[in-house]
Every structure is written in structure tokens, then in C-alpha cells.
């Protein structure tokens, strides 16, 4: 393993039905002006919005409401939220939703405290914010693990870029599996595959030698596969919901990444495609992973072989045989859980958009093969 220093700031509240007590406890320690951030209408349809408003009122908080955060949050939405936070002198942000809401408000939290544009600050000056509005997260859609870190994926429509920005850590995260029950199963599945992708992207990074972070990762991957199957078979399986929620957190709370240089090439490719198509993140990853991994069979066969044996239970007399079976098992699982394997299944048929994505995606140093943009384009075309 590589050298590391580990410090973790996010308090975790985990458990079925834990949201009310956790929110009321944490509100005792924050200022009076609270911004309630959320996405579309599901928080209101489920009744969660009304409950949280009651809890905020009972705690004596003045609430600034800011909803409508889209599935792929835009930079314009970040700036809108930052302006509102400054205008209302917000003391604390409570982000309620999935990864999109939580990502958006990590950057709102930072931008509201800055006198300059945060995109320019990070990508041109290579500087990062140090002052933030304090935040807490109530997770209603597990999978992204966004509540566990300070990274956010934001789409800059004008620049046609969907890239990472770095903002605030949450002071607490509430992981109440009951809150995921209002989501369509398709969204739950997509989120769980994102968790699996995070694990694989970390696992395939350097070093490739067996280490404790990767051995823990293997257990998390097996957990995701087993509990997603269990939840699809029985959507009322509360245990499986909780396991998937904690697996999502484990994938992004830093533990699996200790001593690792992560890969995340699949994520960078999907982000680039998403900037041009606004596609569903988990579905896009499902399309890319098997094709890209087949292009890694030469350079990454040892790691793919171990993943195949430890996670998917494949055999093979050679690493190349086991690695090939690993990719096939992953592809079969994607089909089994109803996610797409081709861009055309997502309504994406324009190869010129894929060329643009290949030309703008970030090429990651942690991947065991350093792809060219032409190779990325070939991978994307293979998945049409």
C-alpha cells in the first residue's frame, strides 16, 4: 500500500427510522437561518418535506426553501443557490436527497463564501476553497456516497463539461433506509450499480498487489451484488436496503481508498458523455464498464482475475481466462438487474456526441492502461 494520512469528519447516523431523532439532535447545534435543499417532487409526495419542516419549526429555525435541483446538477443551479444563501444570510444547509442534491450543495456551501468564481478558482488558478457554510445530509437515494466526501460532479452547460469540483464536507450524514422506499426500483438499481462501480474503480487502481483495502473492497462488492439481488426479489427487504445504503457509504468514505491511487477512468468517460447527453449516471456506467474492461484484459488481467474469483466466483486456469470470465460475469449481472449494455438502449445513437465526449474526458493516471482519446472513442462506439 502507498503511504497515507487518514482523518474523517462526517458523523454517521445509520438505521431504519433514525432520521427524526438525528435531525432534531443536530439542529440543536446549528444557527437559526437554515436552507432546506432538495430535488424534484418526491420529497413532497412522500410526506418527508412536511415532516422536516415541522422538525425545523419545532427547533425554532427560519427556513429558506430551495428545491428543483436536477439529476445532473448544473453550474447555473450552484450559482443560484449561492446567491440565495448570501441573500438570506444562511447559517446552515440541510441537503435532503440523493447524490445530485448533495453534490450541488457542497459547492453552494463554498461558492456562497467566495468573492470569485469557484470553477475558475479550481481549474485555472488550481486553488481550493477553505471556508464553507456548515452542512448536513439526509440521504434518500443511496448509491453515490456523495454524503461521505467533499467532491461533487457538476455540469457546466456553457463549457459542455461535467467535472469534479471540491467543496464542503457534511458535518453529519443521516442514512435511514426507510427514506429510500419512495424511489422507483429502477432508480434504486441504478444507484446500487454506482456503488459497485465506485468499488471497482478503486479496486482497479494502483498498487495492484493484494492489500487490506482491496480485501475489504471485495467484501463490499460481494455485499452489493448479493443485497441488490435480494432487494429486487423482495422490495420490502429492509435488511437489504440498509446493507446497500452502508455499502454506498463504505465505497466513498475513504476506507477502501487508503493506500490506493484510484482508477475512475469509467467514471470520467461517463461524465463526459453525460455533459453532452444528460444521461443517467448509473446506466451510463453500466454501458461503459464491460467494454472498457475488455480493453484492459492485457494490462489488468491479474486484478480482474482476482476480482472474478473473489467477487463473482469464476474459475480459470490462467489469469487471462479468469479475467475474461470476470468481465462476462459483470456483463451478465448488468443484464440480470435490468440496466442497459448499449447506448442505443438509452436513446443515444449519435456517434458525433461520443467523439466529443472522448475528446473532452479526463484521462486518469491511476488506470492500469493509459488510454488515448481515439481508444476512448473506439470503446464508446463499440457500445452503440
Protein backbone atom coordinates (compact mmCIF):
# COMPACT_ATOMS: atom_id res chain seq x y z
CA UNK A 1 0.00 0.00 0.00
CA UNK A 2 1.04 3.61 -0.53
CA UNK A 3 1.61 5.97 2.41
CA UNK A 4 -1.46 7.79 3.74
CA UNK A 5 -2.80 10.04 6.50
CA UNK A 6 -6.45 9.40 7.39
CA UNK A 7 -8.82 11.82 9.12
CA UNK A 8 -12.58 11.67 8.72
CA UNK A 9 -15.01 14.49 9.56
CA UNK A 10 -18.51 13.12 8.84
CA UNK A 11 -20.66 11.85 11.73
CA UNK A 12 -22.87 8.95 10.64
CA UNK A 13 -26.44 8.25 11.76
CA UNK A 14 -27.43 4.84 10.40
CA UNK A 15 -30.60 2.85 10.91
CA UNK A 16 -34.17 2.26 9.83
CA UNK A 17 -36.29 5.18 11.06
CA UNK A 18 -33.36 7.16 12.52
CA UNK A 19 -34.00 10.41 10.61
CA UNK A 20 -36.29 12.26 13.04
CA UNK A 21 -34.17 11.87 16.17
CA UNK A 22 -30.94 12.53 14.28
CA UNK A 23 -32.21 15.74 12.65
CA UNK A 24 -33.64 17.07 15.91
CA UNK A 25 -30.37 16.36 17.73
CA UNK A 26 -28.19 18.03 15.10
CA UNK A 27 -30.44 21.11 14.79
CA UNK A 28 -29.58 21.95 18.40
CA UNK A 29 -26.06 22.77 17.28
CA UNK A 30 -26.65 24.96 14.20
CA UNK A 31 -27.63 28.59 13.59
CA UNK A 32 -31.18 29.84 13.15
CA UNK A 33 -31.16 30.51 9.39
CA UNK A 34 -31.41 27.14 7.66
CA UNK A 35 -31.60 26.47 3.94
CA UNK A 36 -33.55 23.33 3.02
CA UNK A 37 -32.19 21.96 -0.26
CA UNK A 38 -33.90 19.23 -2.25
CA UNK A 39 -34.56 17.99 -5.76
CA UNK A 40 -37.81 17.24 -7.53
CA UNK A 41 -41.22 16.42 -6.13
CA UNK A 42 -40.53 13.07 -4.45
CA UNK A 43 -39.68 14.65 -1.08
CA UNK A 44 -43.10 16.32 -1.08
CA UNK A 45 -45.04 13.36 -2.47
CA UNK A 46 -43.58 11.10 0.22
CA UNK A 47 -44.51 13.50 3.01
CA UNK A 48 -40.87 13.86 4.09
CA UNK A 49 -40.82 17.58 3.24
CA UNK A 50 -43.71 18.30 5.60
CA UNK A 51 -42.11 16.26 8.39
CA UNK A 52 -38.79 18.08 8.07
CA UNK A 53 -40.49 21.47 8.01
CA UNK A 54 -42.25 20.55 11.27
CA UNK A 55 -38.96 19.45 12.85
CA UNK A 56 -37.27 22.67 11.71
CA UNK A 57 -40.14 24.73 13.11
CA UNK A 58 -40.08 22.91 16.44
CA UNK A 59 -36.36 23.69 16.62
CA UNK A 60 -37.02 27.40 16.12
CA UNK A 61 -35.35 27.65 12.72
CA UNK A 62 -36.12 30.16 9.97
CA UNK A 63 -36.24 28.20 6.72
CA UNK A 64 -35.18 29.27 3.23
CA UNK A 65 -36.60 26.78 0.75
CA UNK A 66 -34.60 25.85 -2.34
CA UNK A 67 -35.76 22.92 -4.45
CA UNK A 68 -35.69 21.89 -8.08
CA UNK A 69 -32.13 20.55 -8.13
CA UNK A 70 -31.86 18.42 -11.25
CA UNK A 71 -30.41 14.88 -11.56
CA UNK A 72 -27.20 16.21 -13.14
CA UNK A 73 -26.80 19.49 -11.21
CA UNK A 74 -25.69 22.42 -13.32
CA UNK A 75 -23.23 25.16 -12.52
CA UNK A 76 -26.03 27.69 -13.03
CA UNK A 77 -28.01 25.97 -10.27
CA UNK A 78 -24.97 26.15 -7.98
CA UNK A 79 -24.72 29.89 -8.55
CA UNK A 80 -28.45 30.33 -7.96
CA UNK A 81 -28.20 28.54 -4.62
CA UNK A 82 -25.11 30.53 -3.60
CA UNK A 83 -26.86 33.83 -4.32
CA UNK A 84 -29.86 32.75 -2.24
CA UNK A 85 -27.62 31.65 0.63
CA UNK A 86 -25.89 35.04 0.69
CA UNK A 87 -29.15 37.00 0.42
CA UNK A 88 -30.68 35.15 3.40
CA UNK A 89 -27.51 35.04 5.50
CA UNK A 90 -27.76 31.26 5.77
CA UNK A 91 -26.13 29.66 8.82
CA UNK A 92 -26.66 26.03 7.89
CA UNK A 93 -27.69 23.96 4.86
CA UNK A 94 -29.73 20.76 5.20
CA UNK A 95 -29.49 18.84 1.92
CA UNK A 96 -32.21 16.20 1.52
CA UNK A 97 -31.99 13.82 -1.42
CA UNK A 98 -29.57 11.76 -3.43
CA UNK A 99 -26.17 12.50 -4.87
CA UNK A 100 -27.28 15.32 -7.15
CA UNK A 101 -28.75 17.42 -4.34
CA UNK A 102 -25.86 16.68 -2.02
CA UNK A 103 -23.20 17.39 -4.66
CA UNK A 104 -24.86 20.65 -5.67
CA UNK A 105 -24.87 21.96 -2.13
CA UNK A 106 -21.29 21.05 -1.34
CA UNK A 107 -20.37 23.63 -3.95
CA UNK A 108 -23.10 26.11 -2.98
CA UNK A 109 -21.66 25.96 0.54
CA UNK A 110 -18.26 27.03 -0.79
CA UNK A 111 -19.35 29.47 -3.51
CA UNK A 112 -21.54 31.40 -1.07
CA UNK A 113 -18.39 32.23 0.94
CA UNK A 114 -16.27 33.25 -2.07
CA UNK A 115 -15.83 36.53 -3.91
CA UNK A 116 -14.68 34.73 -7.06
CA UNK A 117 -15.94 32.03 -9.41
CA UNK A 118 -15.16 28.61 -7.95
CA UNK A 119 -14.75 26.92 -11.35
CA UNK A 120 -12.13 29.46 -12.38
CA UNK A 121 -10.51 29.21 -8.96
CA UNK A 122 -10.10 25.43 -9.21
CA UNK A 123 -9.40 24.85 -12.90
CA UNK A 124 -7.41 27.98 -13.80
CA UNK A 125 -5.78 29.02 -10.52
CA UNK A 126 -5.59 25.46 -9.11
CA UNK A 127 -6.76 26.74 -5.74
CA UNK A 128 -9.47 25.31 -3.49
CA UNK A 129 -11.91 26.91 -1.04
CA UNK A 130 -11.26 26.81 2.69
CA UNK A 131 -14.40 28.47 4.07
CA UNK A 132 -17.90 26.97 3.90
CA UNK A 133 -21.45 27.22 5.20
CA UNK A 134 -21.87 24.19 7.51
CA UNK A 135 -23.97 21.37 6.06
CA UNK A 136 -25.78 18.16 6.90
CA UNK A 137 -27.15 15.48 4.56
CA UNK A 138 -30.31 13.39 4.74
CA UNK A 139 -29.86 10.64 2.16
CA UNK A 140 -32.98 9.48 0.31
CA UNK A 141 -31.26 7.74 -2.62
CA UNK A 142 -28.26 5.53 -1.84
CA UNK A 143 -25.52 4.78 -4.34
CA UNK A 144 -23.36 7.81 -4.95
CA UNK A 145 -21.90 8.03 -1.44
CA UNK A 146 -21.89 11.79 -2.02
CA UNK A 147 -22.59 12.48 1.64
CA UNK A 148 -19.26 10.90 2.57
CA UNK A 149 -16.81 13.23 0.83
CA UNK A 150 -16.28 16.80 -0.38
CA UNK A 151 -16.15 16.08 -4.10
CA UNK A 152 -19.03 16.99 -6.40
CA UNK A 153 -19.79 16.35 -10.06
CA UNK A 154 -21.23 19.46 -11.68
CA UNK A 155 -22.27 20.05 -15.30
CA UNK A 156 -21.13 23.35 -16.79
CA UNK A 157 -23.59 23.73 -19.66
CA UNK A 158 -21.75 26.62 -21.31
CA UNK A 159 -18.44 24.74 -21.36
CA UNK A 160 -20.03 21.34 -22.13
CA UNK A 161 -18.11 19.84 -19.24
CA UNK A 162 -19.27 17.55 -16.44
CA UNK A 163 -16.41 17.52 -13.98
CA UNK A 164 -15.42 17.44 -10.33
CA UNK A 165 -15.42 20.44 -8.04
CA UNK A 166 -14.40 20.32 -4.39
CA UNK A 167 -16.42 21.96 -1.64
CA UNK A 168 -17.60 21.23 1.88
CA UNK A 169 -17.77 18.04 3.90
CA UNK A 170 -21.05 17.48 5.70
CA UNK A 171 -20.85 17.65 9.46
CA UNK A 172 -23.28 14.72 9.59
CA UNK A 173 -24.98 12.23 7.28
CA UNK A 174 -28.30 10.53 8.01
CA UNK A 175 -28.64 7.07 6.44
CA UNK A 176 -32.24 6.00 7.09
CA UNK A 177 -33.16 3.13 4.77
CA UNK A 178 -36.87 3.89 5.19
CA UNK A 179 -36.34 7.04 3.12
CA UNK A 180 -35.36 5.03 0.03
CA UNK A 181 -38.73 3.27 -0.17
CA UNK A 182 -40.39 6.04 -2.16
CA UNK A 183 -37.91 5.65 -5.03
CA UNK A 184 -38.75 3.63 -8.15
CA UNK A 185 -36.84 0.33 -8.17
CA UNK A 186 -35.12 1.40 -11.39
CA UNK A 187 -33.52 4.30 -9.50
CA UNK A 188 -32.52 2.07 -6.59
CA UNK A 189 -30.84 -0.35 -9.00
CA UNK A 190 -29.02 2.44 -10.83
CA UNK A 191 -27.74 3.81 -7.53
CA UNK A 192 -26.55 0.41 -6.32
CA UNK A 193 -24.64 -0.10 -9.55
CA UNK A 194 -22.94 3.24 -8.99
CA UNK A 195 -21.79 1.87 -5.62
CA UNK A 196 -20.41 -1.24 -7.33
CA UNK A 197 -18.69 0.97 -9.89
CA UNK A 198 -17.04 3.08 -7.16
CA UNK A 199 -15.71 -0.13 -5.63
CA UNK A 200 -14.39 -1.47 -8.93
CA UNK A 201 -12.82 1.88 -9.86
CA UNK A 202 -10.95 1.92 -6.55
CA UNK A 203 -10.04 -1.77 -6.71
CA UNK A 204 -8.55 -1.49 -10.19
CA UNK A 205 -6.26 1.37 -9.14
CA UNK A 206 -2.64 1.18 -8.07
CA UNK A 207 -0.96 -0.69 -6.44
CA UNK A 208 -2.24 -3.90 -7.98
CA UNK A 209 -0.70 -6.16 -5.36
CA UNK A 210 -3.10 -7.65 -2.80
CA UNK A 211 -3.65 -5.30 0.15
CA UNK A 212 -6.09 -4.90 3.03
CA UNK A 213 -8.02 -2.03 1.39
CA UNK A 214 -8.74 -4.23 -1.63
CA UNK A 215 -9.67 -7.22 0.52
CA UNK A 216 -12.24 -5.09 2.36
CA UNK A 217 -13.39 -3.86 -1.05
CA UNK A 218 -14.01 -7.42 -2.22
CA UNK A 219 -16.38 -7.93 0.71
CA UNK A 220 -18.25 -4.71 -0.09
CA UNK A 221 -18.62 -5.71 -3.76
CA UNK A 222 -19.99 -9.12 -2.81
CA UNK A 223 -22.37 -7.39 -0.41
CA UNK A 224 -23.71 -5.09 -3.13
CA UNK A 225 -24.26 -7.95 -5.57
CA UNK A 226 -26.00 -10.17 -3.01
CA UNK A 227 -28.20 -7.49 -1.47
CA UNK A 228 -29.23 -5.96 -4.78
CA UNK A 229 -30.41 -9.37 -5.90
CA UNK A 230 -32.25 -9.79 -2.58
CA UNK A 231 -33.93 -6.38 -2.87
CA UNK A 232 -35.04 -6.96 -6.45
CA UNK A 233 -36.58 -10.26 -5.31
CA UNK A 234 -38.29 -8.55 -2.36
CA UNK A 235 -38.51 -4.72 -2.41
CA UNK A 236 -39.73 -4.85 1.23
CA UNK A 237 -36.45 -6.38 2.41
CA UNK A 238 -35.39 -3.73 4.95
CA UNK A 239 -32.13 -5.52 5.75
CA UNK A 240 -31.03 -5.45 2.10
CA UNK A 241 -31.92 -1.75 1.83
CA UNK A 242 -29.81 -0.95 4.86
CA UNK A 243 -26.89 -3.02 3.62
CA UNK A 244 -26.92 -1.25 0.24
CA UNK A 245 -27.03 2.12 1.99
CA UNK A 246 -24.00 1.35 4.13
CA UNK A 247 -22.16 -0.23 1.20
CA UNK A 248 -22.65 3.05 -0.67
CA UNK A 249 -21.11 4.90 2.27
CA UNK A 250 -18.22 2.44 2.54
CA UNK A 251 -17.37 2.90 -1.13
CA UNK A 252 -16.86 6.65 -0.67
CA UNK A 253 -15.86 7.28 2.96
CA UNK A 254 -12.19 6.83 2.11
CA UNK A 255 -11.55 3.45 3.75
CA UNK A 256 -11.33 1.48 0.51
CA UNK A 257 -9.05 4.14 -0.98
CA UNK A 258 -6.43 4.13 1.78
CA UNK A 259 -3.04 3.43 0.25
CA UNK A 260 -4.50 3.45 -3.27
CA UNK A 261 -4.24 5.59 -6.38
CA UNK A 262 -7.73 5.08 -7.77
CA UNK A 263 -8.65 4.35 -11.38
CA UNK A 264 -12.04 6.02 -12.13
CA UNK A 265 -11.50 6.05 -15.90
CA UNK A 266 -15.02 4.67 -16.45
CA UNK A 267 -16.45 7.50 -14.36
CA UNK A 268 -14.55 10.14 -16.31
CA UNK A 269 -15.81 8.72 -19.60
CA UNK A 270 -19.40 8.63 -18.32
CA UNK A 271 -19.15 12.20 -17.05
CA UNK A 272 -18.01 13.34 -20.47
CA UNK A 273 -20.89 11.54 -22.19
CA UNK A 274 -23.27 12.99 -19.59
CA UNK A 275 -22.15 16.52 -20.40
CA UNK A 276 -23.45 16.07 -23.95
CA UNK A 277 -26.47 13.82 -23.33
CA UNK A 278 -27.61 14.37 -19.69
CA UNK A 279 -27.77 10.57 -19.40
CA UNK A 280 -28.49 8.66 -16.20
CA UNK A 281 -25.20 8.16 -14.37
CA UNK A 282 -25.61 4.57 -13.19
CA UNK A 283 -26.94 3.45 -16.56
CA UNK A 284 -24.05 5.10 -18.37
CA UNK A 285 -21.55 3.33 -16.13
CA UNK A 286 -23.26 0.01 -16.84
CA UNK A 287 -22.76 0.55 -20.57
CA UNK A 288 -19.10 1.54 -20.27
CA UNK A 289 -17.66 -0.88 -17.70
CA UNK A 290 -17.73 -4.20 -19.61
CA UNK A 291 -16.43 -2.71 -22.85
CA UNK A 292 -13.66 -0.74 -21.18
CA UNK A 293 -12.63 -3.73 -19.05
CA UNK A 294 -12.28 -5.89 -22.15
CA UNK A 295 -9.78 -3.31 -23.35
CA UNK A 296 -7.89 -3.81 -20.05
CA UNK A 297 -7.51 -7.58 -20.33
CA UNK A 298 -3.85 -7.27 -21.30
CA UNK A 299 -2.71 -4.75 -18.69
CA UNK A 300 -5.23 -5.51 -15.94
CA UNK A 301 -5.73 -9.26 -16.19
CA UNK A 302 -4.23 -10.04 -12.76
CA UNK A 303 -6.55 -7.66 -10.92
CA UNK A 304 -9.60 -8.56 -13.00
CA UNK A 305 -8.84 -12.24 -12.41
CA UNK A 306 -8.75 -11.75 -8.64
CA UNK A 307 -11.99 -9.75 -8.77
CA UNK A 308 -13.55 -12.54 -10.80
CA UNK A 309 -12.51 -15.22 -8.34
CA UNK A 310 -13.24 -13.29 -5.12
CA UNK A 311 -16.41 -11.42 -6.13
CA UNK A 312 -18.04 -13.37 -8.96
CA UNK A 313 -16.85 -16.89 -8.09
CA UNK A 314 -15.40 -17.63 -11.52
CA UNK A 315 -12.64 -20.16 -12.18
CA UNK A 316 -9.87 -20.19 -14.74
CA UNK A 317 -6.59 -22.00 -15.24
CA UNK A 318 -4.89 -18.71 -16.16
CA UNK A 319 -5.36 -15.11 -15.07
CA UNK A 320 -6.43 -14.16 -18.59
CA UNK A 321 -9.14 -16.83 -18.59
CA UNK A 322 -10.39 -15.78 -15.13
CA UNK A 323 -10.27 -12.07 -16.10
CA UNK A 324 -12.28 -12.75 -19.26
CA UNK A 325 -14.86 -14.65 -17.20
CA UNK A 326 -14.95 -11.76 -14.69
CA UNK A 327 -15.97 -9.29 -17.39
CA UNK A 328 -18.56 -11.74 -18.72
CA UNK A 329 -19.99 -12.20 -15.21
CA UNK A 330 -20.21 -8.43 -14.73
CA UNK A 331 -21.98 -8.08 -18.06
CA UNK A 332 -24.42 -10.86 -17.19
CA UNK A 333 -25.17 -9.19 -13.84
CA UNK A 334 -25.90 -5.87 -15.55
CA UNK A 335 -28.35 -7.62 -17.85
CA UNK A 336 -29.86 -9.55 -14.91
CA UNK A 337 -30.67 -6.37 -12.95
CA UNK A 338 -32.16 -4.65 -16.00
CA UNK A 339 -29.55 -2.00 -16.74
CA UNK A 340 -28.52 -1.20 -20.32
CA UNK A 341 -25.48 -2.59 -22.10
CA UNK A 342 -25.73 -0.34 -25.17
CA UNK A 343 -26.06 3.42 -25.64
CA UNK A 344 -28.95 2.80 -28.03
CA UNK A 345 -30.93 1.36 -25.10
CA UNK A 346 -30.64 4.83 -23.54
CA UNK A 347 -31.64 6.63 -26.73
CA UNK A 348 -28.06 7.68 -27.52
CA UNK A 349 -27.27 6.96 -31.18
CA UNK A 350 -25.23 9.96 -32.36
CA UNK A 351 -21.57 8.97 -32.70
CA UNK A 352 -20.53 12.62 -33.03
CA UNK A 353 -21.55 13.19 -29.41
CA UNK A 354 -19.41 10.23 -28.38
CA UNK A 355 -16.48 11.67 -30.32
CA UNK A 356 -16.91 14.97 -28.47
CA UNK A 357 -17.06 13.11 -25.16
CA UNK A 358 -13.87 11.21 -25.94
CA UNK A 359 -12.12 14.45 -26.84
CA UNK A 360 -13.05 16.16 -23.57
CA UNK A 361 -12.96 13.38 -20.97
CA UNK A 362 -10.26 13.33 -18.30
CA UNK A 363 -7.65 10.59 -18.76
CA UNK A 364 -6.83 9.19 -15.33
CA UNK A 365 -3.28 8.31 -14.22
CA UNK A 366 -4.46 5.54 -11.89
CA UNK A 367 -5.84 3.32 -14.64
CA UNK A 368 -3.63 0.30 -15.40
CA UNK A 369 -3.78 1.26 -19.09
CA UNK A 370 -3.30 4.85 -20.21
CA UNK A 371 -5.83 5.26 -22.99
CA UNK A 372 -5.63 7.70 -25.87
CA UNK A 373 -8.70 9.71 -26.82
CA UNK A 374 -9.02 7.68 -30.01
CA UNK A 375 -9.13 4.50 -27.92
CA UNK A 376 -11.81 6.02 -25.69
CA UNK A 377 -13.82 6.85 -28.80
CA UNK A 378 -13.49 3.25 -30.05
CA UNK A 379 -14.73 1.98 -26.67
CA UNK A 380 -17.72 4.31 -26.83
CA UNK A 381 -18.53 3.30 -30.40
CA UNK A 382 -18.36 -0.40 -29.50
CA UNK A 383 -21.17 0.21 -27.02
CA UNK A 384 -23.54 1.79 -29.57
